[in-house]
Protein backbone atom coordinates (compact mmCIF):
# COMPACT_ATOMS: atom_id res chain seq x y z
CA UNK A 1 -70.87 -46.55 -43.36
CA UNK A 2 -72.69 -45.29 -40.26
CA UNK A 3 -70.31 -43.76 -37.70
CA UNK A 4 -72.48 -44.84 -34.77
CA UNK A 5 -72.38 -48.46 -35.94
CA UNK A 6 -68.64 -48.19 -36.41
CA UNK A 7 -68.28 -46.85 -32.86
CA UNK A 8 -70.33 -49.78 -31.53
CA UNK A 9 -68.09 -52.21 -33.41
CA UNK A 10 -64.95 -50.58 -31.93
CA UNK A 11 -66.29 -50.82 -28.38
CA UNK A 12 -67.13 -54.51 -28.82
CA UNK A 13 -63.65 -55.05 -30.27
CA UNK A 14 -61.93 -53.26 -27.37
CA UNK A 15 -64.03 -54.79 -24.59
CA UNK A 16 -64.58 -58.20 -26.22
CA UNK A 17 -68.16 -58.01 -25.04
CA UNK A 18 -71.46 -56.87 -26.53
CA UNK A 19 -73.00 -56.23 -23.11
CA UNK A 20 -70.08 -54.15 -21.82
CA UNK A 21 -70.06 -52.14 -25.05
CA UNK A 22 -73.76 -51.46 -24.57
CA UNK A 23 -73.25 -50.29 -20.99
CA UNK A 24 -70.47 -47.93 -22.04
CA UNK A 25 -72.52 -46.46 -24.89
CA UNK A 26 -75.80 -46.44 -22.90
CA UNK A 27 -77.39 -48.76 -25.47
CA UNK A 28 -79.05 -52.15 -25.06
CA UNK A 29 -77.15 -55.29 -26.00
CA UNK A 30 -79.61 -56.08 -28.83
CA UNK A 31 -78.95 -52.61 -30.29
CA UNK A 32 -75.18 -53.17 -30.19
CA UNK A 33 -75.62 -56.61 -31.77
CA UNK A 34 -77.81 -55.10 -34.46
CA UNK A 35 -75.22 -52.41 -35.27
CA UNK A 36 -72.50 -55.04 -35.68
CA UNK A 37 -74.76 -57.35 -37.68
CA UNK A 38 -75.63 -54.48 -40.05
CA UNK A 39 -71.92 -53.77 -40.56
CA UNK A 40 -71.27 -57.45 -41.30
CA UNK A 41 -74.12 -57.45 -43.80
CA UNK A 42 -72.84 -54.27 -45.42
CA UNK A 43 -69.29 -55.63 -45.73
CA UNK A 44 -70.35 -59.18 -46.54
CA UNK A 45 -68.02 -60.76 -43.99
CA UNK A 46 -68.00 -61.81 -40.34
CA UNK A 47 -66.30 -59.38 -37.98
CA UNK A 48 -66.47 -61.46 -34.80
CA UNK A 49 -66.47 -65.12 -33.84
CA UNK A 50 -68.85 -65.72 -30.96
CA UNK A 51 -67.47 -68.61 -28.87
CA UNK A 52 -69.88 -68.95 -25.96
CA UNK A 53 -69.37 -65.83 -23.89
CA UNK A 54 -66.16 -65.00 -25.70
CA UNK A 55 -66.16 -62.51 -28.57
CA UNK A 56 -63.06 -62.73 -30.75
CA UNK A 57 -62.38 -60.55 -33.80
CA UNK A 58 -61.85 -62.22 -37.14
CA UNK A 59 -59.05 -61.14 -39.46
CA UNK A 60 -61.57 -58.83 -41.15
CA UNK A 61 -62.45 -57.42 -37.73
CA UNK A 62 -58.80 -56.64 -37.05
CA UNK A 63 -58.49 -54.82 -40.38
CA UNK A 64 -61.66 -52.80 -39.82
CA UNK A 65 -60.65 -51.82 -36.28
CA UNK A 66 -57.21 -50.53 -37.34
CA UNK A 67 -58.80 -48.35 -39.99
CA UNK A 68 -61.73 -47.29 -37.80
CA UNK A 69 -59.30 -45.92 -35.22
CA UNK A 70 -57.79 -43.75 -37.95
CA UNK A 71 -61.27 -42.54 -38.92
CA UNK A 72 -62.05 -41.44 -35.37
CA UNK A 73 -58.61 -39.82 -35.06
CA UNK A 74 -59.31 -37.84 -38.23
CA UNK A 75 -62.69 -36.78 -36.90
CA UNK A 76 -61.07 -35.58 -33.70
CA UNK A 77 -58.47 -33.68 -35.72
CA UNK A 78 -61.21 -32.02 -37.74
CA UNK A 79 -63.15 -31.04 -34.64
CA UNK A 80 -60.08 -29.64 -32.93
CA UNK A 81 -59.03 -27.72 -36.03
CA UNK A 82 -62.51 -26.23 -36.46
CA UNK A 83 -62.56 -25.22 -32.81
CA UNK A 84 -59.18 -23.58 -33.35
CA UNK A 85 -60.72 -21.48 -36.11
CA UNK A 86 -63.23 -20.29 -33.53
CA UNK A 87 -60.31 -19.14 -31.32
CA UNK A 88 -60.64 -22.08 -28.94
CA UNK A 89 -57.94 -24.59 -28.06
CA UNK A 90 -59.66 -27.85 -27.11
CA UNK A 91 -59.09 -31.56 -27.24
CA UNK A 92 -57.00 -34.23 -25.52
CA UNK A 93 -53.23 -34.01 -25.27
CA UNK A 94 -51.27 -37.19 -24.55
CA UNK A 95 -47.88 -36.48 -22.96
CA UNK A 96 -45.09 -38.99 -22.43
CA UNK A 97 -42.72 -38.31 -19.53
CA UNK A 98 -39.72 -39.84 -17.92
CA UNK A 99 -40.19 -40.17 -14.17
CA UNK A 100 -38.53 -37.00 -12.90
CA UNK A 101 -40.47 -34.67 -15.24
CA UNK A 102 -43.66 -36.61 -14.51
CA UNK A 103 -43.42 -35.84 -10.80
CA UNK A 104 -41.41 -32.63 -10.60
CA UNK A 105 -41.94 -30.62 -13.81
CA UNK A 106 -45.19 -31.52 -15.54
CA UNK A 107 -47.68 -30.98 -12.67
CA UNK A 108 -46.79 -27.30 -12.28
CA UNK A 109 -46.52 -26.86 -16.05
CA UNK A 110 -49.98 -28.34 -16.66
CA UNK A 111 -51.53 -26.33 -13.84
CA UNK A 112 -50.37 -23.07 -15.39
CA UNK A 113 -51.22 -24.23 -18.95
CA UNK A 114 -54.73 -25.23 -17.83
CA UNK A 115 -55.38 -21.76 -16.46
CA UNK A 116 -54.88 -20.43 -19.98
CA UNK A 117 -56.45 -23.37 -21.86
CA UNK A 118 -59.08 -24.94 -19.58
CA UNK A 119 -60.71 -26.97 -22.38
CA UNK A 120 -57.64 -29.16 -22.98
CA UNK A 121 -57.58 -32.52 -21.20
CA UNK A 122 -54.47 -34.61 -20.57
CA UNK A 123 -53.39 -38.23 -20.46
CA UNK A 124 -49.93 -38.94 -19.04
CA UNK A 125 -47.77 -41.94 -19.95
CA UNK A 126 -44.63 -42.50 -17.85
CA UNK A 127 -41.53 -44.48 -18.85
CA UNK A 128 -37.79 -44.13 -18.99
CA UNK A 129 -36.36 -41.48 -21.32
CA UNK A 130 -35.29 -43.96 -24.01
CA UNK A 131 -38.77 -45.51 -24.17
CA UNK A 132 -40.54 -42.14 -24.38
CA UNK A 133 -38.20 -41.03 -27.18
CA UNK A 134 -38.91 -44.26 -29.11
CA UNK A 135 -42.67 -43.81 -28.70
CA UNK A 136 -42.57 -40.19 -29.91
CA UNK A 137 -40.39 -41.15 -32.87
CA UNK A 138 -42.77 -44.01 -33.76
CA UNK A 139 -45.72 -41.63 -33.66
CA UNK A 140 -47.38 -43.35 -30.71
CA UNK A 141 -46.99 -40.27 -28.50
CA UNK A 142 -47.42 -36.73 -29.84
CA UNK A 143 -45.05 -35.13 -27.32
CA UNK A 144 -42.63 -36.14 -24.58
CA UNK A 145 -40.55 -34.63 -21.80
CA UNK A 146 -37.29 -36.51 -21.22
CA UNK A 147 -33.98 -36.25 -19.41
CA UNK A 148 -31.70 -36.88 -22.36
CA UNK A 149 -31.30 -35.13 -25.69
CA UNK A 150 -32.43 -37.40 -28.55
CA UNK A 151 -30.03 -38.08 -31.41
CA UNK A 152 -32.70 -39.43 -33.75
CA UNK A 153 -33.59 -37.53 -36.90
CA UNK A 154 -37.18 -36.50 -37.32
CA UNK A 155 -37.61 -35.15 -33.79
CA UNK A 156 -37.99 -31.52 -32.84
CA UNK A 157 -36.14 -30.90 -29.56
CA UNK A 158 -36.65 -27.92 -27.23
CA UNK A 159 -34.62 -27.32 -24.05
CA UNK A 160 -37.08 -27.17 -21.16
CA UNK A 161 -34.92 -26.56 -18.08
CA UNK A 162 -31.69 -27.49 -16.34
CA UNK A 163 -31.30 -29.52 -13.17
CA UNK A 164 -28.46 -30.73 -10.95
CA UNK A 165 -27.47 -34.33 -10.31
CA UNK A 166 -26.75 -35.08 -6.65
CA UNK A 167 -25.57 -38.00 -4.54
CA UNK A 168 -27.90 -38.55 -1.58
CA UNK A 169 -28.23 -40.91 1.36
CA UNK A 170 -30.52 -41.31 4.37
CA UNK A 171 -29.41 -39.13 7.28
CA UNK A 172 -27.91 -41.33 9.96
CA UNK A 173 -27.55 -44.45 7.81
CA UNK A 174 -25.32 -46.91 9.72
CA UNK A 175 -22.95 -47.46 6.78
CA UNK A 176 -22.14 -43.77 6.21
CA UNK A 177 -18.52 -42.73 6.88
CA UNK A 178 -18.01 -40.90 10.16
CA UNK A 179 -15.65 -38.27 8.77
CA UNK A 180 -18.32 -36.14 7.06
CA UNK A 181 -20.07 -35.70 3.73
CA UNK A 182 -17.02 -35.14 1.51
CA UNK A 183 -16.11 -38.49 -0.05
CA UNK A 184 -13.77 -39.75 -2.71
CA UNK A 185 -15.21 -41.70 -5.62
CA UNK A 186 -13.46 -44.82 -4.29
CA UNK A 187 -15.11 -44.42 -0.87
CA UNK A 188 -18.48 -43.88 -2.48
CA UNK A 189 -18.11 -46.94 -4.72
CA UNK A 190 -17.75 -49.14 -1.63
CA UNK A 191 -21.03 -47.97 -0.08
CA UNK A 192 -24.29 -49.82 -0.86
CA UNK A 193 -25.97 -48.43 -3.98
CA UNK A 194 -29.48 -48.13 -5.39
CA UNK A 195 -29.35 -48.36 -9.19
CA UNK A 196 -31.85 -47.24 -11.82
CA UNK A 197 -32.90 -49.40 -14.78
CA UNK A 198 -31.25 -49.45 -18.21
CA UNK A 199 -32.63 -46.67 -20.41
CA UNK A 200 -32.87 -44.22 -17.53
CA UNK A 201 -31.34 -40.83 -18.28
CA UNK A 202 -30.22 -40.60 -14.63
CA UNK A 203 -28.31 -43.87 -14.98
CA UNK A 204 -26.78 -42.63 -18.23
CA UNK A 205 -25.55 -39.45 -16.51
CA UNK A 206 -23.97 -41.58 -13.77
CA UNK A 207 -22.28 -43.85 -16.31
CA UNK A 208 -20.79 -40.85 -18.12
CA UNK A 209 -19.55 -39.30 -14.86
CA UNK A 210 -17.95 -42.57 -13.76
CA UNK A 211 -16.25 -42.95 -17.15
CA UNK A 212 -14.31 -39.73 -16.50
CA UNK A 213 -12.87 -41.32 -13.34
CA UNK A 214 -11.96 -44.55 -15.11
CA UNK A 215 -14.72 -46.50 -13.40
CA UNK A 216 -17.90 -48.27 -14.53
CA UNK A 217 -21.12 -49.36 -12.87
CA UNK A 218 -19.46 -52.74 -12.22
CA UNK A 219 -17.16 -51.00 -9.74
CA UNK A 220 -20.11 -50.00 -7.54
CA UNK A 221 -21.51 -52.06 -4.67
CA UNK A 222 -25.07 -52.29 -6.03
CA UNK A 223 -27.47 -53.51 -3.36
CA UNK A 224 -30.82 -52.73 -5.01
CA UNK A 225 -32.09 -52.17 -8.56
CA UNK A 226 -35.26 -50.15 -9.15
CA UNK A 227 -37.27 -48.89 -12.12
CA UNK A 228 -38.12 -45.29 -11.27
CA UNK A 229 -37.21 -42.13 -9.39
CA UNK A 230 -39.96 -42.58 -6.78
CA UNK A 231 -38.68 -46.06 -5.97
CA UNK A 232 -35.10 -44.76 -5.85
CA UNK A 233 -35.99 -42.05 -3.35
CA UNK A 234 -38.18 -44.37 -1.25
CA UNK A 235 -35.34 -46.90 -0.85
CA UNK A 236 -32.80 -44.15 -0.26
CA UNK A 237 -34.93 -42.67 2.53
CA UNK A 238 -35.07 -46.02 4.35
CA UNK A 239 -31.29 -46.41 4.24
CA UNK A 240 -30.98 -49.18 1.67
CA UNK A 241 -28.18 -47.34 -0.09
CA UNK A 242 -26.93 -44.17 -1.74
CA UNK A 243 -28.25 -42.96 -5.08
CA UNK A 244 -27.50 -40.42 -7.78
CA UNK A 245 -30.64 -38.59 -8.71
CA UNK A 246 -32.20 -35.23 -9.45
CA UNK A 247 -31.93 -32.19 -7.21
CA UNK A 248 -35.50 -31.37 -8.28
CA UNK A 249 -36.72 -34.67 -6.88
CA UNK A 250 -34.78 -34.63 -3.59
CA UNK A 251 -34.58 -30.97 -2.49
CA UNK A 252 -37.60 -31.26 -0.19
CA UNK A 253 -36.07 -34.26 1.62
CA UNK A 254 -32.67 -32.57 1.97
CA UNK A 255 -34.34 -29.46 3.40
CA UNK A 256 -36.34 -31.56 5.87
CA UNK A 257 -33.19 -33.37 7.00
CA UNK A 258 -34.36 -36.82 5.88
CA UNK A 259 -31.65 -37.02 3.21
CA UNK A 260 -28.13 -35.65 3.14
CA UNK A 261 -26.05 -34.74 0.12
CA UNK A 262 -22.73 -36.49 -0.19
CA UNK A 263 -20.14 -34.23 -1.75
CA UNK A 264 -18.43 -36.15 -4.54
CA UNK A 265 -17.31 -33.56 -7.07
CA UNK A 266 -16.76 -36.03 -9.91
CA UNK A 267 -20.36 -37.24 -9.77
CA UNK A 268 -22.08 -33.89 -9.41
CA UNK A 269 -23.08 -31.96 -12.49
CA UNK A 270 -25.81 -30.41 -14.57
CA UNK A 271 -28.44 -32.21 -16.57
CA UNK A 272 -31.12 -31.00 -18.95
CA UNK A 273 -34.72 -31.86 -19.66
CA UNK A 274 -36.16 -31.57 -23.15
CA UNK A 275 -39.52 -31.30 -24.84
CA UNK A 276 -39.61 -33.54 -27.92
CA UNK A 277 -42.17 -34.08 -30.66
CA UNK A 278 -42.26 -35.68 -34.08
CA UNK A 279 -41.74 -33.27 -36.99
CA UNK A 280 -43.65 -35.55 -39.32
CA UNK A 281 -46.90 -35.65 -37.34
CA UNK A 282 -49.75 -33.23 -37.73
CA UNK A 283 -49.62 -30.70 -34.90
CA UNK A 284 -53.08 -30.44 -33.36
CA UNK A 285 -54.21 -27.16 -31.83
CA UNK A 286 -53.74 -28.45 -28.28
CA UNK A 287 -50.22 -29.65 -29.04
CA UNK A 288 -49.30 -26.40 -30.80
CA UNK A 289 -50.58 -24.38 -27.85
CA UNK A 290 -48.63 -26.59 -25.42
CA UNK A 291 -45.37 -26.32 -27.40
CA UNK A 292 -45.77 -22.54 -27.71
CA UNK A 293 -46.54 -22.28 -23.99
CA UNK A 294 -43.38 -24.23 -23.07
CA UNK A 295 -41.25 -22.11 -25.39
CA UNK A 296 -42.58 -18.91 -23.87
CA UNK A 297 -42.40 -20.15 -20.27
């Protein structure tokens, strides 16, 4: 089976268009159509139903695409491994990150890694810690950086760094107490809150801290619910409410005077960020170099 024809088939499958596949591959539409027709003749079955301008894969097309993706993955593995033998670390590295590492850890890490390995390219996928852990465990992501330590078997876990959880609010917010920044948990619970989504490691840290005081999230005056750290900080800066978040993510705003730290001993603590990858997956040269770099950093 001709690899070029298989690539043309995959592009038509992904784009649902012969013309768009041709543009992407710098080939004419008749050439793309010919490649697919030759594959159909070789396999003796239709791969696409052509309904007017719509191109829909048949069941056979679905089967071929799933297996073709594996073929191209294997070819990429072979190329990367051969390059490794020539003392070069090349290829694409897909990294999953929860939001705080995505904005406050990974950029500096990749900048320094790229100085040493300039031929490695990166694709970043961001989600909450629980989602990234699930994707790494399922084999959909080769590596992740998360704010909670996974309990699942089959994952290799490396401590990356430690951070501090802090309670912050907009300086001068009208609802702040007038007696200063030292608050009791009960006082804090009555203030308006900005709350992260379920699955967030930051929310999990808050839940655990509240449990030690005999309280739950239901005891807080939640005014706004958001999905990420950037949204949390943006709403905190405008005075929507207080939030518990990362010192890494808020230090610059505290130093500039835009945010203030509220001193609530029971809700302040340390948290850790971890590098995780699946023990059962083949470790490509780029991934091995990245893991070794993190361990040595």
